[in-house]
């Protein structure tokens, strides 16, 4: 809290007047962080001339940011679904990402770049698990080469 109030150049009371308490501040920060991350994910997914290009660019973004702290992943690991407010924030973000991933997988299937027999929703869940793993590996100190290998294996599983 001291770092935050110093960086914002406000007193603790001003912070509490705005957010109520530390928990409300945390929820606000989590909401903002997962929204920004989700928007960046969806933007990456929508790039490239082919759907597979978008999936590759999406995974490249995950790799590039894997070593950085990620509040959404930290909240998932810390709380799971035990805190209803956190679960609602994370669940909403996850549903939006899953929908975007499944749509891109369907497009890649139509283009012949992803195995037709895969269920797009299951593939999206697999990709989500893959990005969590890549981020956890990045935070644990995995090298760029290791992160690249994880991303490549993740994509290879879709073919």
N, C-alpha and C. Protein backbone atom coordinates (compact mmCIF):
# COMPACT_ATOMS: atom_id res chain seq x y z
N UNK A 1 0.82 -1.19 0.00
CA UNK A 1 0.00 0.00 0.00
C UNK A 1 0.86 1.25 0.00
N UNK A 2 1.98 1.18 0.74
CA UNK A 2 2.86 2.36 0.81
C UNK A 2 3.40 2.71 -0.58
N UNK A 3 3.82 1.69 -1.34
CA UNK A 3 4.32 1.94 -2.69
C UNK A 3 3.25 2.53 -3.58
N UNK A 4 2.07 2.00 -3.46
CA UNK A 4 0.96 2.45 -4.30
C UNK A 4 0.58 3.89 -3.99
N UNK A 5 0.41 4.21 -2.73
CA UNK A 5 0.03 5.58 -2.37
C UNK A 5 1.16 6.57 -2.71
N UNK A 6 2.41 6.12 -2.56
CA UNK A 6 3.54 6.99 -2.93
C UNK A 6 3.56 7.22 -4.44
N UNK A 7 3.37 6.17 -5.22
CA UNK A 7 3.37 6.31 -6.68
C UNK A 7 2.21 7.18 -7.16
N UNK A 8 1.08 7.07 -6.50
CA UNK A 8 -0.10 7.86 -6.88
C UNK A 8 -0.08 9.25 -6.27
N UNK A 9 0.85 9.47 -5.34
CA UNK A 9 0.97 10.73 -4.61
C UNK A 9 -0.32 11.10 -3.90
N UNK A 10 -0.87 10.11 -3.23
CA UNK A 10 -2.08 10.32 -2.43
C UNK A 10 -1.88 9.65 -1.07
N UNK A 11 -2.73 9.98 -0.14
CA UNK A 11 -2.70 9.35 1.17
C UNK A 11 -3.54 8.09 1.19
N UNK A 12 -3.31 7.26 2.20
CA UNK A 12 -4.07 6.02 2.33
C UNK A 12 -5.58 6.30 2.39
N UNK A 13 -5.94 7.34 3.10
CA UNK A 13 -7.36 7.63 3.25
C UNK A 13 -8.01 7.93 1.90
N UNK A 14 -7.32 8.63 1.02
CA UNK A 14 -7.86 8.90 -0.32
C UNK A 14 -8.07 7.61 -1.09
N UNK A 15 -7.14 6.69 -0.92
CA UNK A 15 -7.25 5.39 -1.58
C UNK A 15 -8.46 4.63 -1.03
N UNK A 16 -8.61 4.63 0.27
CA UNK A 16 -9.75 3.94 0.88
C UNK A 16 -11.07 4.64 0.54
N UNK A 17 -11.05 5.95 0.45
CA UNK A 17 -12.27 6.68 0.08
C UNK A 17 -12.72 6.30 -1.33
N UNK A 18 -11.77 6.03 -2.20
CA UNK A 18 -12.09 5.68 -3.59
C UNK A 18 -12.50 4.22 -3.72
N UNK A 19 -11.75 3.33 -3.08
CA UNK A 19 -11.97 1.89 -3.30
C UNK A 19 -12.63 1.17 -2.13
N UNK A 20 -12.67 1.78 -0.98
CA UNK A 20 -13.31 1.16 0.18
C UNK A 20 -12.32 0.41 1.05
N UNK A 21 -11.61 -0.55 0.48
CA UNK A 21 -10.63 -1.32 1.24
C UNK A 21 -9.67 -2.01 0.28
N UNK A 22 -8.70 -2.73 0.83
CA UNK A 22 -7.68 -3.39 0.01
C UNK A 22 -8.30 -4.42 -0.93
N UNK A 23 -9.30 -5.13 -0.45
CA UNK A 23 -9.93 -6.17 -1.28
C UNK A 23 -10.61 -5.55 -2.50
N UNK A 24 -11.32 -4.45 -2.31
CA UNK A 24 -11.98 -3.77 -3.44
C UNK A 24 -10.93 -3.24 -4.42
N UNK A 25 -9.85 -2.72 -3.90
CA UNK A 25 -8.76 -2.25 -4.76
C UNK A 25 -8.19 -3.42 -5.56
N UNK A 26 -7.98 -4.55 -4.90
CA UNK A 26 -7.47 -5.74 -5.58
C UNK A 26 -8.43 -6.18 -6.69
N UNK A 27 -9.71 -6.22 -6.40
CA UNK A 27 -10.69 -6.63 -7.41
C UNK A 27 -10.71 -5.67 -8.59
N UNK A 28 -10.58 -4.39 -8.32
CA UNK A 28 -10.55 -3.39 -9.39
C UNK A 28 -9.29 -3.59 -10.26
N UNK A 29 -8.16 -3.81 -9.60
CA UNK A 29 -6.91 -4.04 -10.34
C UNK A 29 -7.00 -5.33 -11.16
N UNK A 30 -7.57 -6.37 -10.58
CA UNK A 30 -7.73 -7.64 -11.29
C UNK A 30 -8.64 -7.46 -12.50
N UNK A 31 -9.74 -6.77 -12.33
CA UNK A 31 -10.67 -6.53 -13.44
C UNK A 31 -9.96 -5.80 -14.58
N UNK A 32 -9.24 -4.76 -14.21
CA UNK A 32 -8.55 -3.97 -15.23
C UNK A 32 -7.46 -4.79 -15.93
N UNK A 33 -6.70 -5.55 -15.16
CA UNK A 33 -5.60 -6.34 -15.71
C UNK A 33 -6.10 -7.42 -16.66
N UNK A 34 -7.11 -8.17 -16.24
CA UNK A 34 -7.58 -9.26 -17.12
C UNK A 34 -8.30 -8.70 -18.35
N UNK A 35 -8.93 -7.54 -18.23
CA UNK A 35 -9.56 -6.93 -19.40
C UNK A 35 -8.50 -6.50 -20.42
N UNK A 36 -7.44 -5.87 -19.94
CA UNK A 36 -6.37 -5.43 -20.85
C UNK A 36 -5.67 -6.63 -21.48
N UNK A 37 -5.40 -7.64 -20.69
CA UNK A 37 -4.74 -8.84 -21.20
C UNK A 37 -5.63 -9.53 -22.23
N UNK A 38 -6.91 -9.65 -21.93
CA UNK A 38 -7.85 -10.27 -22.85
C UNK A 38 -7.95 -9.52 -24.16
N UNK A 39 -8.00 -8.20 -24.09
CA UNK A 39 -8.07 -7.39 -25.31
C UNK A 39 -6.82 -7.58 -26.16
N UNK A 40 -5.65 -7.63 -25.51
CA UNK A 40 -4.41 -7.85 -26.25
C UNK A 40 -4.37 -9.25 -26.85
N UNK A 41 -4.86 -10.23 -26.12
CA UNK A 41 -4.94 -11.60 -26.66
C UNK A 41 -5.83 -11.64 -27.90
N UNK A 42 -7.01 -11.06 -27.79
CA UNK A 42 -7.95 -11.11 -28.91
C UNK A 42 -7.41 -10.33 -30.12
N UNK A 43 -6.71 -9.23 -29.87
CA UNK A 43 -6.10 -8.48 -30.97
C UNK A 43 -5.04 -9.32 -31.67
N UNK A 44 -4.22 -10.00 -30.89
CA UNK A 44 -3.19 -10.86 -31.48
C UNK A 44 -3.83 -11.99 -32.28
N UNK A 45 -4.87 -12.58 -31.74
CA UNK A 45 -5.56 -13.68 -32.43
C UNK A 45 -6.14 -13.25 -33.77
N UNK A 46 -6.56 -12.02 -33.87
CA UNK A 46 -7.24 -11.57 -35.08
C UNK A 46 -6.28 -11.13 -36.18
N UNK A 47 -4.99 -11.21 -35.94
CA UNK A 47 -4.01 -10.79 -36.94
C UNK A 47 -3.61 -11.94 -37.85
N UNK A 48 -2.95 -11.59 -38.92
CA UNK A 48 -2.44 -12.59 -39.86
C UNK A 48 -3.44 -12.93 -40.94
N UNK A 49 -2.92 -13.30 -42.10
CA UNK A 49 -3.81 -13.63 -43.22
C UNK A 49 -4.58 -14.94 -43.02
N UNK A 50 -4.03 -15.85 -42.24
CA UNK A 50 -4.70 -17.12 -41.97
C UNK A 50 -4.94 -17.24 -40.47
N UNK A 51 -5.90 -18.05 -40.10
CA UNK A 51 -6.23 -18.23 -38.69
C UNK A 51 -5.04 -18.77 -37.91
N UNK A 52 -4.29 -19.69 -38.51
CA UNK A 52 -3.13 -20.26 -37.82
C UNK A 52 -2.09 -19.17 -37.53
N UNK A 53 -1.97 -18.19 -38.42
CA UNK A 53 -1.07 -17.07 -38.17
C UNK A 53 -1.49 -16.33 -36.91
N UNK A 54 -2.78 -16.11 -36.75
CA UNK A 54 -3.29 -15.44 -35.55
C UNK A 54 -2.98 -16.23 -34.30
N UNK A 55 -3.13 -17.55 -34.37
CA UNK A 55 -2.80 -18.39 -33.22
C UNK A 55 -1.31 -18.33 -32.90
N UNK A 56 -0.47 -18.31 -33.93
CA UNK A 56 0.98 -18.20 -33.72
C UNK A 56 1.35 -16.84 -33.13
N UNK A 57 0.73 -15.78 -33.61
CA UNK A 57 1.01 -14.44 -33.10
C UNK A 57 0.53 -14.32 -31.65
N UNK A 58 -0.60 -14.91 -31.37
CA UNK A 58 -1.13 -14.96 -30.00
C UNK A 58 -0.13 -15.64 -29.07
N UNK A 59 0.38 -16.81 -29.48
CA UNK A 59 1.35 -17.52 -28.64
C UNK A 59 2.67 -16.77 -28.55
N UNK A 60 3.05 -16.06 -29.59
CA UNK A 60 4.26 -15.24 -29.54
C UNK A 60 4.10 -14.13 -28.50
N UNK A 61 2.91 -13.55 -28.42
CA UNK A 61 2.64 -12.53 -27.41
C UNK A 61 2.75 -13.12 -26.01
N UNK A 62 2.19 -14.31 -25.84
CA UNK A 62 2.27 -14.97 -24.53
C UNK A 62 3.73 -15.22 -24.16
N UNK A 63 4.50 -15.73 -25.11
CA UNK A 63 5.93 -16.00 -24.87
C UNK A 63 6.66 -14.71 -24.49
N UNK A 64 6.39 -13.65 -25.21
CA UNK A 64 7.10 -12.39 -25.00
C UNK A 64 6.82 -11.79 -23.62
N UNK A 65 5.67 -12.09 -23.07
CA UNK A 65 5.28 -11.52 -21.77
C UNK A 65 5.30 -12.55 -20.64
N UNK A 66 5.77 -13.75 -20.93
CA UNK A 66 5.68 -14.85 -19.97
C UNK A 66 6.42 -14.59 -18.66
N UNK A 67 7.52 -13.89 -18.71
CA UNK A 67 8.28 -13.66 -17.49
C UNK A 67 7.70 -12.54 -16.63
N UNK A 68 6.80 -11.77 -17.19
CA UNK A 68 6.21 -10.64 -16.46
C UNK A 68 5.13 -11.14 -15.49
N UNK A 69 4.97 -10.46 -14.37
CA UNK A 69 3.88 -10.82 -13.46
C UNK A 69 2.54 -10.71 -14.18
N UNK A 70 1.64 -11.63 -13.89
CA UNK A 70 0.32 -11.63 -14.50
C UNK A 70 -0.69 -11.82 -13.39
N UNK A 71 -1.47 -10.78 -13.14
CA UNK A 71 -2.40 -10.80 -12.02
C UNK A 71 -3.49 -11.85 -12.21
N UNK A 72 -3.93 -12.06 -13.44
CA UNK A 72 -4.96 -13.07 -13.69
C UNK A 72 -4.48 -14.46 -13.34
N UNK A 73 -3.28 -14.82 -13.79
CA UNK A 73 -2.73 -16.13 -13.47
C UNK A 73 -2.48 -16.25 -11.97
N UNK A 74 -1.94 -15.19 -11.36
CA UNK A 74 -1.70 -15.22 -9.91
C UNK A 74 -3.00 -15.42 -9.14
N UNK A 75 -4.07 -14.76 -9.57
CA UNK A 75 -5.36 -14.90 -8.89
C UNK A 75 -5.91 -16.31 -9.06
N UNK A 76 -5.74 -16.86 -10.25
CA UNK A 76 -6.20 -18.23 -10.51
C UNK A 76 -5.48 -19.20 -9.58
N UNK A 77 -4.17 -19.06 -9.48
CA UNK A 77 -3.39 -19.97 -8.64
C UNK A 77 -3.66 -19.75 -7.16
N UNK A 78 -3.87 -18.51 -6.76
CA UNK A 78 -4.09 -18.21 -5.35
C UNK A 78 -5.48 -18.58 -4.87
N UNK A 79 -6.48 -18.30 -5.70
CA UNK A 79 -7.87 -18.45 -5.25
C UNK A 79 -8.64 -19.55 -5.95
N UNK A 80 -8.21 -19.92 -7.15
CA UNK A 80 -9.04 -20.86 -7.92
C UNK A 80 -10.42 -20.26 -8.09
N UNK A 81 -11.40 -20.98 -7.67
CA UNK A 81 -12.78 -20.48 -7.73
C UNK A 81 -13.37 -20.30 -6.32
N UNK A 82 -12.48 -20.26 -5.31
CA UNK A 82 -12.93 -20.19 -3.92
C UNK A 82 -13.52 -18.83 -3.55
N UNK A 83 -13.08 -17.76 -4.19
CA UNK A 83 -13.61 -16.42 -3.93
C UNK A 83 -14.59 -16.06 -5.04
N UNK A 84 -15.88 -15.97 -4.74
CA UNK A 84 -16.87 -15.72 -5.80
C UNK A 84 -16.59 -14.48 -6.66
N UNK A 85 -16.12 -13.41 -6.04
CA UNK A 85 -15.87 -12.19 -6.83
C UNK A 85 -14.71 -12.38 -7.80
N UNK A 86 -13.68 -13.05 -7.35
CA UNK A 86 -12.54 -13.34 -8.22
C UNK A 86 -12.98 -14.31 -9.31
N UNK A 87 -13.73 -15.33 -8.92
CA UNK A 87 -14.21 -16.32 -9.89
C UNK A 87 -15.05 -15.66 -10.98
N UNK A 88 -15.85 -14.69 -10.62
CA UNK A 88 -16.69 -14.00 -11.62
C UNK A 88 -15.82 -13.21 -12.60
N UNK A 89 -14.82 -12.51 -12.09
CA UNK A 89 -13.94 -11.73 -12.95
C UNK A 89 -13.17 -12.65 -13.88
N UNK A 90 -12.55 -13.67 -13.31
CA UNK A 90 -11.75 -14.60 -14.11
C UNK A 90 -12.62 -15.40 -15.08
N UNK A 91 -13.79 -15.81 -14.62
CA UNK A 91 -14.69 -16.59 -15.47
C UNK A 91 -15.14 -15.82 -16.69
N UNK A 92 -15.46 -14.57 -16.51
CA UNK A 92 -15.88 -13.73 -17.63
C UNK A 92 -14.75 -13.57 -18.64
N UNK A 93 -13.55 -13.30 -18.15
CA UNK A 93 -12.40 -13.15 -19.05
C UNK A 93 -12.10 -14.47 -19.76
N UNK A 94 -12.18 -15.56 -19.05
CA UNK A 94 -11.89 -16.87 -19.64
C UNK A 94 -12.91 -17.24 -20.71
N UNK A 95 -14.17 -16.95 -20.46
CA UNK A 95 -15.21 -17.24 -21.47
C UNK A 95 -14.97 -16.45 -22.75
N UNK A 96 -14.60 -15.19 -22.62
CA UNK A 96 -14.33 -14.36 -23.79
C UNK A 96 -13.13 -14.89 -24.57
N UNK A 97 -12.07 -15.25 -23.85
CA UNK A 97 -10.89 -15.79 -24.53
C UNK A 97 -11.20 -17.13 -25.17
N UNK A 98 -11.91 -17.98 -24.46
CA UNK A 98 -12.26 -19.30 -25.01
C UNK A 98 -13.07 -19.17 -26.29
N UNK A 99 -14.00 -18.24 -26.30
CA UNK A 99 -14.82 -18.02 -27.50
C UNK A 99 -13.95 -17.56 -28.67
N UNK A 100 -13.03 -16.63 -28.41
CA UNK A 100 -12.15 -16.14 -29.47
C UNK A 100 -11.21 -17.24 -29.96
N UNK A 101 -10.67 -18.04 -29.05
CA UNK A 101 -9.81 -19.14 -29.44
C UNK A 101 -10.57 -20.19 -30.25
N UNK A 102 -11.76 -20.55 -29.79
CA UNK A 102 -12.55 -21.55 -30.51
C UNK A 102 -12.91 -21.07 -31.91
N UNK A 103 -13.24 -19.80 -32.03
CA UNK A 103 -13.57 -19.24 -33.36
C UNK A 103 -12.36 -19.32 -34.28
N UNK A 104 -11.20 -18.98 -33.76
CA UNK A 104 -9.99 -19.02 -34.59
C UNK A 104 -9.62 -20.46 -34.95
N UNK A 105 -9.83 -21.38 -34.03
CA UNK A 105 -9.58 -22.80 -34.33
C UNK A 105 -10.52 -23.27 -35.44
N UNK A 106 -11.79 -22.88 -35.36
CA UNK A 106 -12.74 -23.25 -36.42
C UNK A 106 -12.28 -22.73 -37.78
N UNK A 107 -11.81 -21.47 -37.80
CA UNK A 107 -11.32 -20.89 -39.04
C UNK A 107 -10.10 -21.67 -39.55
N UNK A 108 -9.20 -22.02 -38.65
CA UNK A 108 -8.00 -22.77 -39.04
C UNK A 108 -8.38 -24.16 -39.55
N UNK A 109 -9.43 -24.74 -38.99
CA UNK A 109 -9.91 -26.03 -39.49
C UNK A 109 -10.45 -25.87 -40.91
N UNK A 110 -11.22 -24.82 -41.13
CA UNK A 110 -11.79 -24.57 -42.46
C UNK A 110 -10.69 -24.32 -43.49
N UNK A 111 -9.57 -23.76 -43.05
CA UNK A 111 -8.44 -23.50 -43.94
C UNK A 111 -7.53 -24.70 -44.10
N UNK A 112 -7.82 -25.77 -43.35
CA UNK A 112 -7.03 -26.99 -43.44
C UNK A 112 -5.75 -27.00 -42.63
N UNK A 113 -5.59 -26.04 -41.70
CA UNK A 113 -4.36 -25.95 -40.92
C UNK A 113 -4.44 -26.61 -39.54
N UNK A 114 -5.65 -26.94 -39.12
CA UNK A 114 -5.87 -27.60 -37.83
C UNK A 114 -6.72 -28.83 -38.09
N UNK A 115 -6.44 -29.89 -37.36
CA UNK A 115 -7.15 -31.16 -37.55
C UNK A 115 -8.66 -30.96 -37.45
N UNK A 116 -9.36 -31.45 -38.46
CA UNK A 116 -10.82 -31.28 -38.53
C UNK A 116 -11.54 -32.02 -37.42
N UNK A 117 -10.96 -33.10 -36.91
CA UNK A 117 -11.65 -33.90 -35.90
C UNK A 117 -11.60 -33.31 -34.49
N UNK A 118 -10.80 -32.25 -34.31
CA UNK A 118 -10.74 -31.61 -32.99
C UNK A 118 -12.01 -30.82 -32.70
N UNK A 119 -12.48 -30.91 -31.49
CA UNK A 119 -13.59 -30.06 -31.04
C UNK A 119 -12.99 -28.68 -30.75
N UNK A 120 -13.45 -27.62 -31.43
CA UNK A 120 -12.86 -26.29 -31.22
C UNK A 120 -12.90 -25.82 -29.77
N UNK A 121 -13.94 -26.18 -29.04
CA UNK A 121 -14.02 -25.75 -27.63
C UNK A 121 -12.96 -26.48 -26.79
N UNK A 122 -12.76 -27.76 -27.07
CA UNK A 122 -11.72 -28.50 -26.35
C UNK A 122 -10.33 -28.00 -26.73
N UNK A 123 -10.15 -27.67 -28.00
CA UNK A 123 -8.87 -27.11 -28.44
C UNK A 123 -8.62 -25.76 -27.77
N UNK A 124 -9.66 -24.96 -27.62
CA UNK A 124 -9.52 -23.66 -26.94
C UNK A 124 -9.14 -23.86 -25.48
N UNK A 125 -9.75 -24.83 -24.82
CA UNK A 125 -9.39 -25.13 -23.43
C UNK A 125 -7.94 -25.59 -23.33
N UNK A 126 -7.51 -26.40 -24.29
CA UNK A 126 -6.12 -26.86 -24.33
C UNK A 126 -5.17 -25.67 -24.52
N UNK A 127 -5.51 -24.76 -25.43
CA UNK A 127 -4.68 -23.58 -25.64
C UNK A 127 -4.61 -22.72 -24.39
N UNK A 128 -5.71 -22.58 -23.69
CA UNK A 128 -5.71 -21.80 -22.44
C UNK A 128 -4.79 -22.44 -21.41
N UNK A 129 -4.86 -23.76 -21.30
CA UNK A 129 -3.96 -24.46 -20.38
C UNK A 129 -2.51 -24.27 -20.82
N UNK A 130 -2.29 -24.29 -22.12
CA UNK A 130 -0.94 -24.08 -22.65
C UNK A 130 -0.39 -22.71 -22.30
N UNK A 131 -1.22 -21.68 -22.43
CA UNK A 131 -0.70 -20.34 -22.11
C UNK A 131 -0.44 -20.19 -20.62
N UNK A 132 -1.24 -20.83 -19.80
CA UNK A 132 -0.97 -20.80 -18.35
C UNK A 132 0.36 -21.48 -18.06
N UNK A 133 0.61 -22.60 -18.73
CA UNK A 133 1.88 -23.30 -18.55
C UNK A 133 3.06 -22.49 -19.04
N UNK A 134 2.91 -21.85 -20.18
CA UNK A 134 3.99 -21.01 -20.72
C UNK A 134 4.27 -19.85 -19.77
N UNK A 135 3.23 -19.24 -19.26
CA UNK A 135 3.42 -18.12 -18.32
C UNK A 135 4.07 -18.59 -17.02
N UNK A 136 3.63 -19.73 -16.51
CA UNK A 136 4.23 -20.25 -15.29
C UNK A 136 5.70 -20.58 -15.53
N UNK A 137 6.01 -21.17 -16.67
CA UNK A 137 7.41 -21.48 -17.00
C UNK A 137 8.22 -20.19 -17.13
N UNK A 138 7.65 -19.18 -17.74
CA UNK A 138 8.34 -17.91 -17.88
C UNK A 138 8.64 -17.28 -16.53
N UNK A 139 7.67 -17.31 -15.64
CA UNK A 139 7.87 -16.74 -14.30
C UNK A 139 8.90 -17.55 -13.52
N UNK A 140 9.01 -18.85 -13.83
CA UNK A 140 9.97 -19.71 -13.14
C UNK A 140 11.38 -19.60 -13.72
N UNK A 141 11.53 -18.82 -14.81
CA UNK A 141 12.86 -18.58 -15.35
C UNK A 141 13.20 -19.35 -16.61
N UNK A 142 12.20 -19.93 -17.27
CA UNK A 142 12.48 -20.65 -18.51
C UNK A 142 13.10 -19.70 -19.53
N UNK A 143 13.99 -20.25 -20.35
CA UNK A 143 14.65 -19.44 -21.37
C UNK A 143 13.71 -19.18 -22.53
N UNK A 144 14.09 -18.24 -23.38
CA UNK A 144 13.31 -17.94 -24.58
C UNK A 144 13.20 -19.18 -25.47
N UNK A 145 14.26 -19.96 -25.53
CA UNK A 145 14.25 -21.19 -26.33
C UNK A 145 13.24 -22.19 -25.76
N UNK A 146 13.22 -22.34 -24.46
CA UNK A 146 12.26 -23.24 -23.82
C UNK A 146 10.83 -22.78 -24.03
N UNK A 147 10.59 -21.48 -23.91
CA UNK A 147 9.25 -20.95 -24.11
C UNK A 147 8.80 -21.13 -25.56
N UNK A 148 9.71 -20.95 -26.49
CA UNK A 148 9.42 -21.17 -27.91
C UNK A 148 9.03 -22.63 -28.14
N UNK A 149 9.77 -23.55 -27.54
CA UNK A 149 9.47 -24.97 -27.69
C UNK A 149 8.09 -25.30 -27.13
N UNK A 150 7.75 -24.72 -25.99
CA UNK A 150 6.42 -24.97 -25.41
C UNK A 150 5.32 -24.46 -26.35
N UNK A 151 5.52 -23.27 -26.91
CA UNK A 151 4.53 -22.70 -27.83
C UNK A 151 4.40 -23.56 -29.09
N UNK A 152 5.52 -24.00 -29.62
CA UNK A 152 5.49 -24.84 -30.82
C UNK A 152 4.79 -26.17 -30.57
N UNK A 153 5.07 -26.78 -29.43
CA UNK A 153 4.41 -28.04 -29.08
C UNK A 153 2.91 -27.85 -28.89
N UNK A 154 2.55 -26.72 -28.32
CA UNK A 154 1.14 -26.42 -28.12
C UNK A 154 0.42 -26.34 -29.46
N UNK A 155 1.01 -25.64 -30.41
CA UNK A 155 0.40 -25.53 -31.75
C UNK A 155 0.43 -26.86 -32.49
N UNK A 156 1.52 -27.59 -32.35
CA UNK A 156 1.64 -28.88 -33.04
C UNK A 156 0.53 -29.84 -32.62
N UNK A 157 0.10 -29.75 -31.39
CA UNK A 157 -0.97 -30.64 -30.90
C UNK A 157 -2.28 -30.41 -31.65
N UNK A 158 -2.44 -29.25 -32.27
CA UNK A 158 -3.68 -28.95 -33.01
C UNK A 158 -3.69 -29.51 -34.43
N UNK A 159 -2.56 -29.93 -34.90
CA UNK A 159 -2.46 -30.36 -36.29
C UNK A 159 -2.79 -31.78 -36.44
